[in-house]
Amino acid sequence: MPLDAGGLEILGDDECLALLQTTPVGRIVFTHQALPAVQPVNYAMDGADVIIRTSPGSKLAAAARSAVVAFEIDDYDARSRTGWSVVLVGQARRVDDPAEAAALAGLDLWPWVPGGREEFIRISPRLCSGRRILTSPAPAGPADRAGSSSR
């Protein structure tokens, strides 16, 4: 198992794609008014592509059209102090083809908030990376820190 410089396990593309099947919520990172923006979204997978359903007039729909975006998911278990993170970077595009949109409408992807969410955004990954925290030492308690003063 390869590790990065910080001791985190480096996940391969296949494992990253498998993890993308395990959680319904991620975060899309895009540019809005020349600034970075992050928005939580529910999503579904179509092969290796991330599919998001949004409103036609939303800032996400406008910002993600033909833009390079990042998409991130993660999981962390506070009790065992383990977890993982997957980040995709790729081109986002609005799905304009009616046949493709009809096929995507069959995915298990339903809006969580009121209002129409009839526009689909497809993110085709160009870069994929993932890391896993295998074990983490327990945080130092007050007694452990008492003698570490730099006075």
N, C-alpha and C. Protein backbone atom coordinates (compact mmCIF):
# COMPACT_ATOMS: atom_id res chain seq x y z
N MET A 1 0.84 -1.18 0.00
CA MET A 1 0.00 0.00 0.00
C MET A 1 0.89 1.24 0.00
N PRO A 2 0.79 2.07 -1.03
CA PRO A 2 1.61 3.28 -1.09
C PRO A 2 1.11 4.35 -0.12
N LEU A 3 2.05 5.06 0.48
CA LEU A 3 1.72 6.14 1.42
C LEU A 3 2.27 7.46 0.89
N ASP A 4 1.57 8.54 1.20
CA ASP A 4 2.09 9.85 0.83
C ASP A 4 3.05 10.33 1.92
N ALA A 5 3.60 11.52 1.75
CA ALA A 5 4.59 12.05 2.70
C ALA A 5 4.03 12.23 4.10
N GLY A 6 2.71 12.38 4.22
CA GLY A 6 2.08 12.55 5.52
C GLY A 6 1.65 11.24 6.17
N GLY A 7 1.93 10.11 5.52
CA GLY A 7 1.57 8.82 6.07
C GLY A 7 0.17 8.36 5.74
N LEU A 8 -0.50 9.04 4.81
CA LEU A 8 -1.84 8.63 4.39
C LEU A 8 -1.73 7.64 3.24
N GLU A 9 -2.61 6.64 3.25
CA GLU A 9 -2.64 5.66 2.16
C GLU A 9 -3.15 6.34 0.90
N ILE A 10 -2.46 6.14 -0.20
CA ILE A 10 -2.87 6.67 -1.50
C ILE A 10 -3.82 5.67 -2.14
N LEU A 11 -5.01 6.11 -2.49
CA LEU A 11 -6.02 5.24 -3.10
C LEU A 11 -5.89 5.29 -4.62
N GLY A 12 -6.07 4.15 -5.24
CA GLY A 12 -6.05 4.07 -6.70
C GLY A 12 -7.37 4.51 -7.29
N ASP A 13 -7.38 4.69 -8.61
CA ASP A 13 -8.59 5.15 -9.30
C ASP A 13 -9.78 4.22 -9.08
N ASP A 14 -9.56 2.91 -9.15
CA ASP A 14 -10.67 1.96 -8.97
C ASP A 14 -11.28 2.08 -7.58
N GLU A 15 -10.44 2.22 -6.56
CA GLU A 15 -10.97 2.36 -5.20
C GLU A 15 -11.68 3.70 -5.03
N CYS A 16 -11.15 4.75 -5.63
CA CYS A 16 -11.83 6.05 -5.57
C CYS A 16 -13.22 5.96 -6.20
N LEU A 17 -13.31 5.34 -7.37
CA LEU A 17 -14.61 5.21 -8.03
C LEU A 17 -15.56 4.34 -7.22
N ALA A 18 -15.03 3.30 -6.57
CA ALA A 18 -15.89 2.47 -5.72
C ALA A 18 -16.41 3.27 -4.53
N LEU A 19 -15.58 4.11 -3.93
CA LEU A 19 -16.02 4.94 -2.81
C LEU A 19 -17.07 5.95 -3.24
N LEU A 20 -16.98 6.43 -4.47
CA LEU A 20 -17.98 7.37 -4.97
C LEU A 20 -19.38 6.75 -5.03
N GLN A 21 -19.46 5.44 -5.01
CA GLN A 21 -20.75 4.76 -5.01
C GLN A 21 -21.34 4.64 -3.61
N THR A 22 -20.58 5.02 -2.57
CA THR A 22 -20.99 4.72 -1.20
C THR A 22 -21.67 5.85 -0.45
N THR A 23 -21.67 7.03 -0.97
CA THR A 23 -22.25 8.16 -0.25
C THR A 23 -23.08 9.03 -1.19
N PRO A 24 -24.21 9.55 -0.74
CA PRO A 24 -25.07 10.32 -1.65
C PRO A 24 -24.79 11.82 -1.70
N VAL A 25 -23.88 12.31 -0.85
CA VAL A 25 -23.63 13.75 -0.78
C VAL A 25 -22.15 14.04 -0.98
N GLY A 26 -21.88 15.04 -1.80
CA GLY A 26 -20.52 15.49 -2.02
C GLY A 26 -20.51 17.01 -2.07
N ARG A 27 -19.35 17.56 -2.38
CA ARG A 27 -19.20 19.00 -2.51
C ARG A 27 -18.58 19.32 -3.86
N ILE A 28 -19.21 20.24 -4.57
CA ILE A 28 -18.66 20.69 -5.84
C ILE A 28 -17.98 22.03 -5.59
N VAL A 29 -16.81 22.18 -6.16
CA VAL A 29 -16.03 23.41 -6.05
C VAL A 29 -15.99 24.03 -7.44
N PHE A 30 -16.45 25.27 -7.53
CA PHE A 30 -16.53 25.95 -8.81
C PHE A 30 -16.20 27.42 -8.61
N THR A 31 -16.15 28.15 -9.69
CA THR A 31 -15.87 29.59 -9.62
C THR A 31 -17.18 30.35 -9.78
N HIS A 32 -17.42 31.28 -8.85
CA HIS A 32 -18.60 32.13 -8.91
C HIS A 32 -18.15 33.57 -8.72
N GLN A 33 -18.40 34.40 -9.70
CA GLN A 33 -17.99 35.81 -9.69
C GLN A 33 -16.50 35.93 -9.38
N ALA A 34 -15.71 35.12 -10.06
CA ALA A 34 -14.24 35.11 -9.99
C ALA A 34 -13.70 34.66 -8.64
N LEU A 35 -14.53 34.06 -7.81
CA LEU A 35 -14.10 33.56 -6.51
C LEU A 35 -14.44 32.08 -6.38
N PRO A 36 -13.66 31.35 -5.58
CA PRO A 36 -14.01 29.94 -5.39
C PRO A 36 -15.29 29.80 -4.58
N ALA A 37 -16.11 28.84 -4.95
CA ALA A 37 -17.35 28.56 -4.25
C ALA A 37 -17.44 27.05 -4.03
N VAL A 38 -18.00 26.67 -2.90
CA VAL A 38 -18.20 25.26 -2.57
C VAL A 38 -19.66 25.07 -2.22
N GLN A 39 -20.26 24.04 -2.79
CA GLN A 39 -21.68 23.80 -2.53
C GLN A 39 -21.90 22.31 -2.31
N PRO A 40 -22.56 21.95 -1.20
CA PRO A 40 -22.91 20.53 -1.03
C PRO A 40 -24.02 20.17 -1.99
N VAL A 41 -23.93 18.97 -2.55
CA VAL A 41 -24.93 18.49 -3.50
C VAL A 41 -25.14 17.00 -3.31
N ASN A 42 -26.35 16.54 -3.59
CA ASN A 42 -26.52 15.10 -3.72
C ASN A 42 -26.21 14.76 -5.18
N TYR A 43 -25.79 13.53 -5.40
CA TYR A 43 -25.32 13.16 -6.72
C TYR A 43 -25.54 11.67 -6.95
N ALA A 44 -25.34 11.26 -8.18
CA ALA A 44 -25.35 9.85 -8.55
C ALA A 44 -24.20 9.65 -9.53
N MET A 45 -23.81 8.40 -9.70
CA MET A 45 -22.75 8.07 -10.64
C MET A 45 -23.36 7.48 -11.91
N ASP A 46 -22.79 7.85 -13.04
CA ASP A 46 -23.13 7.24 -14.32
C ASP A 46 -21.80 6.79 -14.90
N GLY A 47 -21.45 5.54 -14.65
CA GLY A 47 -20.10 5.07 -14.99
C GLY A 47 -19.11 5.78 -14.08
N ALA A 48 -18.12 6.42 -14.66
CA ALA A 48 -17.13 7.17 -13.87
C ALA A 48 -17.51 8.64 -13.73
N ASP A 49 -18.64 9.05 -14.32
CA ASP A 49 -19.06 10.45 -14.29
C ASP A 49 -19.97 10.74 -13.10
N VAL A 50 -19.80 11.92 -12.52
CA VAL A 50 -20.66 12.40 -11.44
C VAL A 50 -21.82 13.16 -12.08
N ILE A 51 -23.04 12.85 -11.64
CA ILE A 51 -24.23 13.51 -12.16
C ILE A 51 -24.89 14.29 -11.03
N ILE A 52 -25.15 15.56 -11.28
CA ILE A 52 -25.80 16.44 -10.31
C ILE A 52 -27.06 16.98 -10.96
N ARG A 53 -28.11 17.10 -10.18
CA ARG A 53 -29.38 17.65 -10.66
C ARG A 53 -29.55 19.02 -10.02
N THR A 54 -29.85 20.03 -10.83
CA THR A 54 -29.97 21.39 -10.30
C THR A 54 -31.05 22.16 -11.04
N SER A 55 -31.29 23.38 -10.61
CA SER A 55 -32.25 24.27 -11.27
C SER A 55 -31.59 24.96 -12.45
N PRO A 56 -32.31 25.16 -13.54
CA PRO A 56 -31.73 25.82 -14.70
C PRO A 56 -31.16 27.21 -14.40
N GLY A 57 -31.75 27.96 -13.49
CA GLY A 57 -31.28 29.31 -13.20
C GLY A 57 -30.33 29.42 -12.01
N SER A 58 -29.90 28.31 -11.46
CA SER A 58 -29.05 28.37 -10.26
C SER A 58 -27.65 28.85 -10.59
N LYS A 59 -26.97 29.38 -9.56
CA LYS A 59 -25.59 29.82 -9.77
C LYS A 59 -24.69 28.64 -10.11
N LEU A 60 -25.01 27.46 -9.57
CA LEU A 60 -24.25 26.27 -9.90
C LEU A 60 -24.42 25.91 -11.38
N ALA A 61 -25.64 25.95 -11.88
CA ALA A 61 -25.89 25.64 -13.29
C ALA A 61 -25.14 26.60 -14.19
N ALA A 62 -25.15 27.87 -13.85
CA ALA A 62 -24.45 28.86 -14.67
C ALA A 62 -22.94 28.70 -14.58
N ALA A 63 -22.43 28.49 -13.39
CA ALA A 63 -20.99 28.43 -13.18
C ALA A 63 -20.36 27.15 -13.72
N ALA A 64 -21.12 26.06 -13.71
CA ALA A 64 -20.55 24.76 -14.07
C ALA A 64 -20.59 24.47 -15.56
N ARG A 65 -21.22 25.30 -16.32
CA ARG A 65 -21.29 25.04 -17.77
C ARG A 65 -19.90 25.14 -18.39
N SER A 66 -19.43 24.04 -18.90
CA SER A 66 -18.14 23.97 -19.60
C SER A 66 -16.99 24.48 -18.75
N ALA A 67 -17.07 24.32 -17.46
CA ALA A 67 -16.02 24.78 -16.56
C ALA A 67 -15.28 23.59 -15.97
N VAL A 68 -14.06 23.83 -15.59
CA VAL A 68 -13.32 22.83 -14.82
C VAL A 68 -13.72 23.01 -13.36
N VAL A 69 -14.15 21.91 -12.74
CA VAL A 69 -14.60 21.93 -11.35
C VAL A 69 -13.90 20.82 -10.58
N ALA A 70 -14.01 20.89 -9.28
CA ALA A 70 -13.56 19.80 -8.40
C ALA A 70 -14.79 19.25 -7.70
N PHE A 71 -14.75 17.98 -7.38
CA PHE A 71 -15.83 17.33 -6.66
C PHE A 71 -15.19 16.48 -5.58
N GLU A 72 -15.69 16.61 -4.34
CA GLU A 72 -15.05 15.93 -3.21
C GLU A 72 -16.09 15.21 -2.36
N ILE A 73 -15.71 14.01 -1.91
CA ILE A 73 -16.50 13.26 -0.93
C ILE A 73 -15.54 12.78 0.15
N ASP A 74 -16.09 12.50 1.32
CA ASP A 74 -15.23 11.96 2.37
C ASP A 74 -16.06 11.26 3.42
N ASP A 75 -15.37 10.58 4.31
CA ASP A 75 -16.00 9.93 5.44
C ASP A 75 -14.97 9.89 6.56
N TYR A 76 -15.42 10.12 7.78
CA TYR A 76 -14.51 10.13 8.93
C TYR A 76 -15.21 9.51 10.12
N ASP A 77 -14.55 8.61 10.80
CA ASP A 77 -15.07 7.98 12.00
C ASP A 77 -14.30 8.56 13.18
N ALA A 78 -14.96 9.42 13.95
CA ALA A 78 -14.29 10.11 15.06
C ALA A 78 -13.85 9.13 16.14
N ARG A 79 -14.61 8.09 16.34
CA ARG A 79 -14.26 7.12 17.39
C ARG A 79 -12.96 6.38 17.06
N SER A 80 -12.85 5.87 15.84
CA SER A 80 -11.64 5.12 15.47
C SER A 80 -10.55 6.03 14.89
N ARG A 81 -10.92 7.30 14.64
CA ARG A 81 -9.99 8.28 14.08
C ARG A 81 -9.43 7.80 12.74
N THR A 82 -10.33 7.26 11.91
CA THR A 82 -9.98 6.82 10.57
C THR A 82 -10.92 7.50 9.58
N GLY A 83 -10.55 7.48 8.32
CA GLY A 83 -11.41 8.06 7.31
C GLY A 83 -10.75 8.08 5.96
N TRP A 84 -11.43 8.67 5.01
CA TRP A 84 -10.92 8.76 3.66
C TRP A 84 -11.50 9.99 2.96
N SER A 85 -10.86 10.35 1.86
CA SER A 85 -11.31 11.49 1.05
C SER A 85 -10.99 11.18 -0.41
N VAL A 86 -11.92 11.54 -1.30
CA VAL A 86 -11.73 11.38 -2.74
C VAL A 86 -12.01 12.72 -3.40
N VAL A 87 -11.14 13.13 -4.32
CA VAL A 87 -11.31 14.37 -5.07
C VAL A 87 -11.19 14.07 -6.55
N LEU A 88 -12.18 14.54 -7.30
CA LEU A 88 -12.14 14.47 -8.76
C LEU A 88 -12.01 15.88 -9.30
N VAL A 89 -11.28 16.02 -10.37
CA VAL A 89 -11.21 17.29 -11.09
C VAL A 89 -11.55 16.97 -12.54
N GLY A 90 -12.46 17.74 -13.10
CA GLY A 90 -12.83 17.47 -14.48
C GLY A 90 -13.72 18.55 -15.06
N GLN A 91 -14.07 18.31 -16.30
CA GLN A 91 -14.92 19.24 -17.04
C GLN A 91 -16.38 18.98 -16.69
N ALA A 92 -17.10 20.03 -16.33
CA ALA A 92 -18.53 19.93 -16.09
C ALA A 92 -19.25 20.43 -17.33
N ARG A 93 -20.35 19.78 -17.65
CA ARG A 93 -21.15 20.26 -18.77
C ARG A 93 -22.62 20.04 -18.49
N ARG A 94 -23.39 20.98 -18.97
CA ARG A 94 -24.85 20.85 -18.87
C ARG A 94 -25.30 19.81 -19.89
N VAL A 95 -26.19 18.94 -19.47
CA VAL A 95 -26.71 17.92 -20.37
C VAL A 95 -27.83 18.55 -21.19
N ASP A 96 -27.57 18.72 -22.49
CA ASP A 96 -28.55 19.35 -23.38
C ASP A 96 -29.32 18.35 -24.22
N ASP A 97 -28.77 17.17 -24.44
CA ASP A 97 -29.41 16.16 -25.27
C ASP A 97 -30.61 15.57 -24.54
N PRO A 98 -31.83 15.68 -25.11
CA PRO A 98 -33.03 15.17 -24.44
C PRO A 98 -32.97 13.68 -24.14
N ALA A 99 -32.37 12.88 -25.03
CA ALA A 99 -32.28 11.44 -24.79
C ALA A 99 -31.35 11.15 -23.61
N GLU A 100 -30.24 11.88 -23.54
CA GLU A 100 -29.31 11.70 -22.41
C GLU A 100 -29.97 12.14 -21.10
N ALA A 101 -30.69 13.26 -21.12
CA ALA A 101 -31.38 13.75 -19.92
C ALA A 101 -32.44 12.75 -19.48
N ALA A 102 -33.16 12.15 -20.43
CA ALA A 102 -34.18 11.15 -20.08
C ALA A 102 -33.54 9.93 -19.43
N ALA A 103 -32.39 9.52 -19.93
CA ALA A 103 -31.69 8.39 -19.33
C ALA A 103 -31.23 8.74 -17.91
N LEU A 104 -30.72 9.95 -17.71
CA LEU A 104 -30.25 10.37 -16.38
C LEU A 104 -31.41 10.52 -15.40
N ALA A 105 -32.59 10.84 -15.90
CA ALA A 105 -33.77 10.96 -15.05
C ALA A 105 -34.11 9.62 -14.40
N GLY A 106 -33.61 8.54 -14.96
CA GLY A 106 -33.83 7.22 -14.39
C GLY A 106 -32.88 6.86 -13.26
N LEU A 107 -31.87 7.70 -13.02
CA LEU A 107 -30.96 7.45 -11.91
C LEU A 107 -31.66 7.73 -10.58
N ASP A 108 -31.17 7.14 -9.53
CA ASP A 108 -31.71 7.38 -8.19
C ASP A 108 -31.13 8.70 -7.68
N LEU A 109 -31.63 9.79 -8.22
CA LEU A 109 -31.11 11.13 -7.91
C LEU A 109 -32.28 12.09 -7.83
N TRP A 110 -32.69 12.40 -6.61
CA TRP A 110 -33.87 13.24 -6.39
C TRP A 110 -33.50 14.46 -5.57
N PRO A 111 -34.04 15.61 -5.92
CA PRO A 111 -33.75 16.83 -5.16
C PRO A 111 -34.17 16.69 -3.70
N TRP A 112 -33.38 17.26 -2.82
CA TRP A 112 -33.68 17.26 -1.39
C TRP A 112 -34.41 18.52 -0.96
N VAL A 113 -34.41 19.52 -1.80
CA VAL A 113 -35.04 20.79 -1.45
C VAL A 113 -36.19 21.06 -2.41
N PRO A 114 -37.15 21.87 -2.00
CA PRO A 114 -38.30 22.17 -2.87
C PRO A 114 -37.86 22.90 -4.14
N GLY A 115 -38.70 22.78 -5.14
CA GLY A 115 -38.44 23.48 -6.40
C GLY A 115 -37.96 22.53 -7.47
N GLY A 116 -38.09 22.97 -8.71
CA GLY A 116 -37.69 22.14 -9.83
C GLY A 116 -36.19 22.02 -9.96
N ARG A 117 -35.74 20.84 -10.18
CA ARG A 117 -34.31 20.56 -10.40
C ARG A 117 -34.24 19.69 -11.65
N GLU A 118 -34.53 20.31 -12.78
CA GLU A 118 -34.67 19.55 -14.02
C GLU A 118 -33.44 19.62 -14.91
N GLU A 119 -32.39 20.27 -14.46
CA GLU A 119 -31.17 20.35 -15.26
C GLU A 119 -30.13 19.40 -14.69
N PHE A 120 -29.48 18.66 -15.57
CA PHE A 120 -28.42 17.75 -15.15
C PHE A 120 -27.07 18.32 -15.53
N ILE A 121 -26.11 18.16 -14.63
CA ILE A 121 -24.73 18.51 -14.89
C ILE A 121 -23.92 17.22 -14.81
N ARG A 122 -23.11 16.99 -15.81
CA ARG A 122 -22.24 15.81 -15.86
C ARG A 122 -20.80 16.28 -15.65
N ILE A 123 -20.12 15.68 -14.69
CA ILE A 123 -18.71 15.95 -14.46
C ILE A 123 -17.93 14.72 -14.90
N SER A 124 -17.11 14.89 -15.93
CA SER A 124 -16.27 13.81 -16.42
C SER A 124 -14.88 13.99 -15.84
N PRO A 125 -14.46 13.07 -14.97
CA PRO A 125 -13.18 13.27 -14.27
C PRO A 125 -11.97 13.15 -15.20
N ARG A 126 -11.03 14.04 -15.01
CA ARG A 126 -9.74 13.99 -15.70
C ARG A 126 -8.64 13.61 -14.72
N LEU A 127 -8.80 14.03 -13.48
CA LEU A 127 -7.88 13.68 -12.40
C LEU A 127 -8.69 13.09 -11.26
N CYS A 128 -8.15 12.09 -10.63
CA CYS A 128 -8.83 11.45 -9.50
C CYS A 128 -7.77 11.14 -8.45
N SER A 129 -8.03 11.52 -7.22
CA SER A 129 -7.08 11.20 -6.15
C SER A 129 -7.86 10.88 -4.88
N GLY A 130 -7.25 10.06 -4.06
CA GLY A 130 -7.89 9.71 -2.81
C GLY A 130 -6.85 9.38 -1.76
N ARG A 131 -7.21 9.61 -0.52
CA ARG A 131 -6.33 9.32 0.62
C ARG A 131 -7.16 8.68 1.71
N ARG A 132 -6.52 7.80 2.47
CA ARG A 132 -7.18 7.15 3.60
C ARG A 132 -6.31 7.29 4.84
N ILE A 133 -6.95 7.67 5.95
CA ILE A 133 -6.29 7.69 7.26
C ILE A 133 -6.50 6.30 7.84
N LEU A 134 -5.42 5.56 7.97
CA LEU A 134 -5.54 4.19 8.47
C LEU A 134 -5.68 4.16 9.98
N THR A 135 -4.83 4.84 10.66
CA THR A 135 -4.90 4.96 12.12
C THR A 135 -4.37 6.33 12.46
N SER A 136 -4.81 6.81 13.56
CA SER A 136 -4.35 8.13 14.01
C SER A 136 -4.08 8.04 15.50
N PRO A 137 -2.96 8.57 15.94
CA PRO A 137 -2.69 8.52 17.38
C PRO A 137 -3.72 9.33 18.15
N ALA A 138 -3.97 8.89 19.37
CA ALA A 138 -4.90 9.62 20.23
C ALA A 138 -4.31 11.00 20.51
N PRO A 139 -5.16 12.01 20.61
CA PRO A 139 -4.64 13.35 20.91
C PRO A 139 -4.01 13.36 22.29
N ALA A 140 -3.02 14.21 22.45
CA ALA A 140 -2.35 14.34 23.73
C ALA A 140 -3.32 14.90 24.77
N GLY A 141 -3.34 14.29 25.94
CA GLY A 141 -4.18 14.78 27.02
C GLY A 141 -3.47 15.88 27.78
N PRO A 142 -4.15 16.49 28.76
CA PRO A 142 -3.55 17.59 29.53
C PRO A 142 -2.25 17.18 30.21
N ALA A 143 -2.17 15.94 30.71
CA ALA A 143 -0.94 15.51 31.39
C ALA A 143 0.20 15.39 30.42
N ASP A 144 -0.08 14.98 29.17
CA ASP A 144 0.96 14.84 28.16
C ASP A 144 1.51 16.19 27.73
N ARG A 145 0.69 17.23 27.79
CA ARG A 145 1.11 18.55 27.33
C ARG A 145 1.72 19.37 28.45
N ALA A 146 1.58 18.96 29.70
CA ALA A 146 2.03 19.77 30.83
C ALA A 146 3.52 20.07 30.78
N GLY A 147 4.30 19.11 30.38
CA GLY A 147 5.74 19.31 30.37
C GLY A 147 6.26 19.85 29.07
N SER A 148 5.42 20.24 28.15
CA SER A 148 5.88 20.67 26.84
C SER A 148 5.87 22.18 26.69
N SER A 149 5.86 22.90 27.78
CA SER A 149 5.86 24.37 27.70
C SER A 149 7.20 24.87 27.18
N SER A 150 7.17 25.94 26.44
CA SER A 150 8.40 26.49 25.86
C SER A 150 8.87 27.72 26.63
N ARG A 151 8.60 27.76 27.91
CA ARG A 151 9.01 28.91 28.71
C ARG A 151 10.47 28.99 28.87
